[in-house]
Amino acid sequence: MNVSAVMIVKNGARTIQRSLESLKQFDDVIVYDNGSTDGTQAIAAQYPNVRLIEGEFNGFGPTKNRAAFGHQICHHRHD
């Protein structure tokens, strides 16, 4: 079974690199960005195992479900 890590983030540039380093062993890391303006997306784009999805934040449950639709997931916070 393949497991994807999912991270919901907004303006997480200060901490996201450390988080993504800890997830290098995952083949698929889904970063759901909801409007970052601090370079978070550029940092996430540097990782070949990251799929960056942009969208609105509609609460943690619905947003996580939208990001991970069709995947077995491990939810991971950027901080």
Foldseek 3Di string as FASTA:
>chain_A
DAEEEEEEDAQLVVQQLVVVVVVLVHQAYEYEYEHHDNCPVVSQVVRPRYDYHYDHDPDDPVSRCVRQPPHHYDYDYRD
